[in-house]
Amino acid sequence: MISHRSRHCTVELQALPARIGQVRRIVSAQLRYWQLDPLIDRAALGVTELLSNVHRHAEPDKTCTVEIELRFERLTVSVHDGDPRLPVVRAADPLETCGRGLALVEALSESWGARPLDEAADGRSGKVVWFVLPAAEQAPVALRPVRILRPVPLGVPLVDLPVRTTAPAALPVPAEPVTVGG
């Protein structure tokens, strides 16, 4: 289900390796559709780690729901599953090949957490694990050449210097230097 007004997307699945890759592609496509391309890599990595945890640890089955929601310039990615046991961040041994998923989620997100779910009206219980990414990333300020007009000694040319600007690039730049007060 996708609701365009609230920018909300939900996917239900079995957390199996082939499905995890499909959900990663769905999340990436949805963020591209919402024009949140800068968040794709971190959201895809985070959802992969959360779904991998469901695949490895959730009992009695691997059924889960992934939700992504954009509200108040924050993207929240959450995974609900039927296992009430909450995840724990642990220090992984340097030679271990797994055990760093939640540490990665913690490192890539603005915040993250987990909470148990009380039995819902549909009879589901378990937990939800989520992370938040800021959607209003500071875009690099565009640099454009601007002619700096200032008194200079005769014979020294004016130089185009790059300066930071918050003005839209569509503003006209005079072709000739403008002199005020003649």
C-alpha atoms as a PDB file:
ATOM      1  CA  MET A   1       0.000   0.000   0.000  1.00  0.00           C
ATOM      2  CA  ILE A   2       1.341   3.438  -0.917  1.00  0.00           C
ATOM      3  CA  SER A   3      -0.305   6.609   0.290  1.00  0.00           C
ATOM      4  CA  HIS A   4       0.994   9.654  -1.599  1.00  0.00           C
ATOM      5  CA  ARG A   5      -0.457  12.269   0.773  1.00  0.00           C
ATOM      6  CA  SER A   6       1.425  11.070   3.809  1.00  0.00           C
ATOM      7  CA  ARG A   7       4.370   9.619   1.914  1.00  0.00           C
ATOM      8  CA  HIS A   8       3.992   6.198   3.419  1.00  0.00           C
ATOM      9  CA  CYS A   9       4.842   2.785   1.977  1.00  0.00           C
ATOM     10  CA  THR A  10       4.304  -0.666   3.508  1.00  0.00           C
ATOM     11  CA  VAL A  11       5.624  -4.033   2.321  1.00  0.00           C
ATOM     12  CA  GLU A  12       4.771  -7.386   3.942  1.00  0.00           C
ATOM     13  CA  LEU A  13       7.137 -10.294   3.360  1.00  0.00           C
ATOM     14  CA  GLN A  14       8.912 -13.376   4.586  1.00  0.00           C
ATOM     15  CA  ALA A  15      12.447 -12.274   5.569  1.00  0.00           C
ATOM     16  CA  LEU A  16      14.258 -14.708   3.300  1.00  0.00           C
ATOM     17  CA  PRO A  17      17.518 -13.748   1.535  1.00  0.00           C
ATOM     18  CA  ALA A  18      15.904 -13.358  -1.924  1.00  0.00           C
ATOM     19  CA  ARG A  19      13.095 -11.234  -0.484  1.00  0.00           C
ATOM     20  CA  ILE A  20      15.525  -8.971   1.384  1.00  0.00           C
ATOM     21  CA  GLY A  21      17.136  -7.948  -1.909  1.00  0.00           C
ATOM     22  CA  GLN A  22      13.713  -7.295  -3.439  1.00  0.00           C
ATOM     23  CA  VAL A  23      12.671  -5.078  -0.526  1.00  0.00           C
ATOM     24  CA  ARG A  24      15.954  -3.181  -0.772  1.00  0.00           C
ATOM     25  CA  ARG A  25      15.117  -2.440  -4.428  1.00  0.00           C
ATOM     26  CA  ILE A  26      11.526  -1.451  -3.517  1.00  0.00           C
ATOM     27  CA  VAL A  27      12.769   0.970  -0.836  1.00  0.00           C
ATOM     28  CA  SER A  28      15.315   2.433  -3.264  1.00  0.00           C
ATOM     29  CA  ALA A  29      12.675   2.901  -5.981  1.00  0.00           C
ATOM     30  CA  GLN A  30      10.236   4.505  -3.544  1.00  0.00           C
ATOM     31  CA  LEU A  31      12.860   6.969  -2.297  1.00  0.00           C
ATOM     32  CA  ARG A  32      13.786   7.780  -5.892  1.00  0.00           C
ATOM     33  CA  TYR A  33      10.078   8.428  -6.603  1.00  0.00           C
ATOM     34  CA  TRP A  34       9.909  10.757  -3.591  1.00  0.00           C
ATOM     35  CA  GLN A  35      13.086  12.467  -4.883  1.00  0.00           C
ATOM     36  CA  LEU A  36      15.089  11.456  -1.816  1.00  0.00           C
ATOM     37  CA  ASP A  37      18.021  10.019  -3.773  1.00  0.00           C
ATOM     38  CA  PRO A  38      20.654  11.089  -1.180  1.00  0.00           C
ATOM     39  CA  LEU A  39      19.010   8.751   1.376  1.00  0.00           C
ATOM     40  CA  ILE A  40      18.883   5.626  -0.787  1.00  0.00           C
ATOM     41  CA  ASP A  41      22.206   4.052   0.208  1.00  0.00           C
ATOM     42  CA  ARG A  42      21.732   4.523   3.955  1.00  0.00           C
ATOM     43  CA  ALA A  43      18.058   3.463   3.916  1.00  0.00           C
ATOM     44  CA  ALA A  44      18.838   0.372   1.810  1.00  0.00           C
ATOM     45  CA  LEU A  45      21.716  -0.633   4.090  1.00  0.00           C
ATOM     46  CA  GLY A  46      19.631  -0.078   7.232  1.00  0.00           C
ATOM     47  CA  VAL A  47      16.609  -2.034   6.005  1.00  0.00           C
ATOM     48  CA  THR A  48      18.920  -4.849   4.858  1.00  0.00           C
ATOM     49  CA  GLU A  49      20.425  -5.097   8.344  1.00  0.00           C
ATOM     50  CA  LEU A  50      17.016  -5.072  10.078  1.00  0.00           C
ATOM     51  CA  LEU A  51      15.608  -7.713   7.712  1.00  0.00           C
ATOM     52  CA  SER A  52      18.735  -9.838   8.127  1.00  0.00           C
ATOM     53  CA  ASN A  53      18.120  -9.784  11.870  1.00  0.00           C
ATOM     54  CA  VAL A  54      14.554 -11.005  11.323  1.00  0.00           C
ATOM     55  CA  HIS A  55      15.877 -13.775   9.052  1.00  0.00           C
ATOM     56  CA  ARG A  56      18.505 -14.881  11.606  1.00  0.00           C
ATOM     57  CA  HIS A  57      16.676 -14.418  14.900  1.00  0.00           C
ATOM     58  CA  ALA A  58      12.874 -14.050  14.639  1.00  0.00           C
ATOM     59  CA  GLU A  59      10.679 -16.869  15.902  1.00  0.00           C
ATOM     60  CA  PRO A  60       8.221 -18.504  15.336  1.00  0.00           C
ATOM     61  CA  ASP A  61       8.345 -17.415  11.670  1.00  0.00           C
ATOM     62  CA  LYS A  62      10.006 -14.859   9.393  1.00  0.00           C
ATOM     63  CA  THR A  63       6.873 -12.862   8.506  1.00  0.00           C
ATOM     64  CA  CYS A  64       7.433  -9.133   8.856  1.00  0.00           C
ATOM     65  CA  THR A  65       6.312  -5.728   7.634  1.00  0.00           C
ATOM     66  CA  VAL A  66       8.607  -2.973   6.396  1.00  0.00           C
ATOM     67  CA  GLU A  67       7.306   0.581   6.564  1.00  0.00           C
ATOM     68  CA  ILE A  68       8.906   3.746   5.282  1.00  0.00           C
ATOM     69  CA  GLU A  69       7.347   7.070   6.118  1.00  0.00           C
ATOM     70  CA  LEU A  70       8.359  10.642   5.421  1.00  0.00           C
ATOM     71  CA  ARG A  71       7.086  13.149   7.981  1.00  0.00           C
ATOM     72  CA  PHE A  72       8.460  16.462   9.153  1.00  0.00           C
ATOM     73  CA  GLU A  73      11.650  16.201   7.076  1.00  0.00           C
ATOM     74  CA  ARG A  74      12.470  12.811   8.646  1.00  0.00           C
ATOM     75  CA  LEU A  75      12.415   9.430   6.944  1.00  0.00           C
ATOM     76  CA  THR A  76      11.495   6.612   9.334  1.00  0.00           C
ATOM     77  CA  VAL A  77      12.187   3.037   8.271  1.00  0.00           C
ATOM     78  CA  SER A  78      10.698   0.360  10.521  1.00  0.00           C
ATOM     79  CA  VAL A  79      10.456  -3.423  10.548  1.00  0.00           C
ATOM     80  CA  HIS A  80       7.710  -5.198  12.519  1.00  0.00           C
ATOM     81  CA  ASP A  81       7.990  -8.906  13.271  1.00  0.00           C
ATOM     82  CA  GLY A  82       6.220 -11.410  15.517  1.00  0.00           C
ATOM     83  CA  ASP A  83       9.112 -12.131  17.890  1.00  0.00           C
ATOM     84  CA  PRO A  84       8.799 -10.143  21.151  1.00  0.00           C
ATOM     85  CA  ARG A  85      12.522 -10.376  21.967  1.00  0.00           C
ATOM     86  CA  LEU A  86      14.173  -6.963  21.567  1.00  0.00           C
ATOM     87  CA  PRO A  87      17.487  -6.705  19.717  1.00  0.00           C
ATOM     88  CA  VAL A  88      20.666  -5.791  21.576  1.00  0.00           C
ATOM     89  CA  VAL A  89      23.713  -3.991  20.196  1.00  0.00           C
ATOM     90  CA  ARG A  90      26.771  -6.034  21.031  1.00  0.00           C
ATOM     91  CA  ALA A  91      30.471  -5.661  20.461  1.00  0.00           C
ATOM     92  CA  ALA A  92      31.507  -8.072  17.742  1.00  0.00           C
ATOM     93  CA  ASP A  93      34.859  -9.786  17.802  1.00  0.00           C
ATOM     94  CA  PRO A  94      37.089  -8.425  14.995  1.00  0.00           C
ATOM     95  CA  LEU A  95      37.181 -11.820  13.274  1.00  0.00           C
ATOM     96  CA  GLU A  96      33.424 -12.474  13.433  1.00  0.00           C
ATOM     97  CA  THR A  97      31.569 -12.328  10.124  1.00  0.00           C
ATOM     98  CA  CYS A  98      28.289 -11.112  11.641  1.00  0.00           C
ATOM     99  CA  GLY A  99      27.026  -9.246  14.675  1.00  0.00           C
ATOM    100  CA  ARG A 100      27.527  -5.652  13.548  1.00  0.00           C
ATOM    101  CA  GLY A 101      24.103  -4.943  12.012  1.00  0.00           C
ATOM    102  CA  LEU A 102      22.644  -2.791  14.756  1.00  0.00           C
ATOM    103  CA  ALA A 103      25.933  -0.957  15.197  1.00  0.00           C
ATOM    104  CA  LEU A 104      25.775  -0.119  11.479  1.00  0.00           C
ATOM    105  CA  VAL A 105      22.167   1.055  11.827  1.00  0.00           C
ATOM    106  CA  GLU A 106      23.194   3.189  14.794  1.00  0.00           C
ATOM    107  CA  ALA A 107      26.101   4.687  12.837  1.00  0.00           C
ATOM    108  CA  LEU A 108      24.142   5.532   9.678  1.00  0.00           C
ATOM    109  CA  SER A 109      21.029   6.964  11.310  1.00  0.00           C
ATOM    110  CA  GLU A 110      20.062  10.043  13.241  1.00  0.00           C
ATOM    111  CA  SER A 111      18.329   7.807  15.791  1.00  0.00           C
ATOM    112  CA  TRP A 112      17.087   4.250  16.106  1.00  0.00           C
ATOM    113  CA  GLY A 113      15.226   2.094  18.581  1.00  0.00           C
ATOM    114  CA  ALA A 114      13.089  -0.939  19.285  1.00  0.00           C
ATOM    115  CA  ARG A 115       9.933  -1.453  21.277  1.00  0.00           C
ATOM    116  CA  PRO A 116       7.605  -4.351  21.988  1.00  0.00           C
ATOM    117  CA  LEU A 117       4.171  -4.340  20.352  1.00  0.00           C
ATOM    118  CA  ASP A 118       1.115  -5.116  22.420  1.00  0.00           C
ATOM    119  CA  GLU A 119      -1.292  -7.516  20.794  1.00  0.00           C
ATOM    120  CA  ALA A 120      -2.935  -5.544  18.002  1.00  0.00           C
ATOM    121  CA  ALA A 121      -6.569  -5.735  16.943  1.00  0.00           C
ATOM    122  CA  ASP A 122      -5.574  -8.265  14.284  1.00  0.00           C
ATOM    123  CA  GLY A 123      -3.960 -10.498  16.924  1.00  0.00           C
ATOM    124  CA  ARG A 124      -0.365  -9.647  16.027  1.00  0.00           C
ATOM    125  CA  SER A 125       2.253  -8.961  18.646  1.00  0.00           C
ATOM    126  CA  GLY A 126       6.023  -8.852  18.581  1.00  0.00           C
ATOM    127  CA  LYS A 127       8.268  -5.842  18.183  1.00  0.00           C
ATOM    128  CA  VAL A 128       9.138  -2.979  15.899  1.00  0.00           C
ATOM    129  CA  VAL A 129      12.725  -1.882  15.191  1.00  0.00           C
ATOM    130  CA  TRP A 130      13.171   1.481  13.473  1.00  0.00           C
ATOM    131  CA  PHE A 131      15.689   4.095  12.413  1.00  0.00           C
ATOM    132  CA  VAL A 132      15.380   7.709  11.305  1.00  0.00           C
ATOM    133  CA  LEU A 133      17.267   9.592   8.613  1.00  0.00           C
ATOM    134  CA  PRO A 134      17.097  13.368   8.170  1.00  0.00           C
ATOM    135  CA  ALA A 135      15.448  14.036   4.796  1.00  0.00           C
ATOM    136  CA  ALA A 136      16.415  17.689   4.605  1.00  0.00           C
ATOM    137  CA  GLU A 137      20.103  17.120   4.090  1.00  0.00           C
ATOM    138  CA  GLN A 138      22.103  20.272   3.604  1.00  0.00           C
ATOM    139  CA  ALA A 139      22.778  20.317  -0.099  1.00  0.00           C
ATOM    140  CA  PRO A 140      26.145  21.692  -1.074  1.00  0.00           C
ATOM    141  CA  VAL A 141      25.851  25.372  -1.819  1.00  0.00           C
ATOM    142  CA  ALA A 142      26.308  25.992  -5.515  1.00  0.00           C
ATOM    143  CA  LEU A 143      29.311  28.027  -6.529  1.00  0.00           C
ATOM    144  CA  ARG A 144      29.016  30.355  -9.466  1.00  0.00           C
ATOM    145  CA  PRO A 145      31.376  32.992 -10.770  1.00  0.00           C
ATOM    146  CA  VAL A 146      30.415  36.501  -9.722  1.00  0.00           C
ATOM    147  CA  ARG A 147      32.112  39.696 -10.839  1.00  0.00           C
ATOM    148  CA  ILE A 148      33.289  41.536  -7.730  1.00  0.00           C
ATOM    149  CA  LEU A 149      33.123  45.303  -8.220  1.00  0.00           C
ATOM    150  CA  ARG A 150      35.454  47.255  -5.997  1.00  0.00           C
ATOM    151  CA  PRO A 151      37.900  50.055  -6.486  1.00  0.00           C
ATOM    152  CA  VAL A 152      41.128  48.717  -7.942  1.00  0.00           C
ATOM    153  CA  PRO A 153      44.189  50.518  -9.254  1.00  0.00           C
ATOM    154  CA  LEU A 154      44.139  51.334 -12.952  1.00  0.00           C
ATOM    155  CA  GLY A 155      45.547  48.616 -15.141  1.00  0.00           C
ATOM    156  CA  VAL A 156      44.594  45.741 -12.773  1.00  0.00           C
ATOM    157  CA  PRO A 157      41.797  43.607 -14.310  1.00  0.00           C
ATOM    158  CA  LEU A 158      38.731  42.547 -12.363  1.00  0.00           C
ATOM    159  CA  VAL A 159      38.756  38.813 -11.711  1.00  0.00           C
ATOM    160  CA  ASP A 160      35.839  36.376 -11.647  1.00  0.00           C
ATOM    161  CA  LEU A 161      35.927  34.720  -8.243  1.00  0.00           C
ATOM    162  CA  PRO A 162      33.785  31.781  -7.093  1.00  0.00           C
ATOM    163  CA  VAL A 163      31.620  32.782  -4.147  1.00  0.00           C
ATOM    164  CA  ARG A 164      28.934  30.998  -2.168  1.00  0.00           C
ATOM    165  CA  THR A 165      25.449  32.070  -3.056  1.00  0.00           C
ATOM    166  CA  THR A 166      21.980  31.117  -1.935  1.00  0.00           C
ATOM    167  CA  ALA A 167      20.367  32.941  -4.854  1.00  0.00           C
ATOM    168  CA  PRO A 168      18.857  30.760  -7.565  1.00  0.00           C
ATOM    169  CA  ALA A 169      21.114  30.199 -10.538  1.00  0.00           C
ATOM    170  CA  ALA A 170      18.380  31.652 -12.771  1.00  0.00           C
ATOM    171  CA  LEU A 171      19.028  35.229 -11.604  1.00  0.00           C
ATOM    172  CA  PRO A 172      20.532  37.300 -14.390  1.00  0.00           C
ATOM    173  CA  VAL A 173      24.174  38.288 -14.080  1.00  0.00           C
ATOM    174  CA  PRO A 174      24.996  41.568 -15.872  1.00  0.00           C
ATOM    175  CA  ALA A 175      27.237  41.127 -18.906  1.00  0.00           C
ATOM    176  CA  GLU A 176      29.045  44.390 -18.165  1.00  0.00           C
ATOM    177  CA  PRO A 177      30.083  45.725 -14.753  1.00  0.00           C
ATOM    178  CA  VAL A 178      27.539  48.173 -13.411  1.00  0.00           C
ATOM    179  CA  THR A 179      28.806  51.504 -12.086  1.00  0.00           C
ATOM    180  CA  VAL A 180      26.708  53.302  -9.507  1.00  0.00           C
ATOM    181  CA  GLY A 181      27.150  57.011  -8.712  1.00  0.00           C
ATOM    182  CA  GLY A 182      29.325  57.700 -11.738  1.00  0.00           C
END
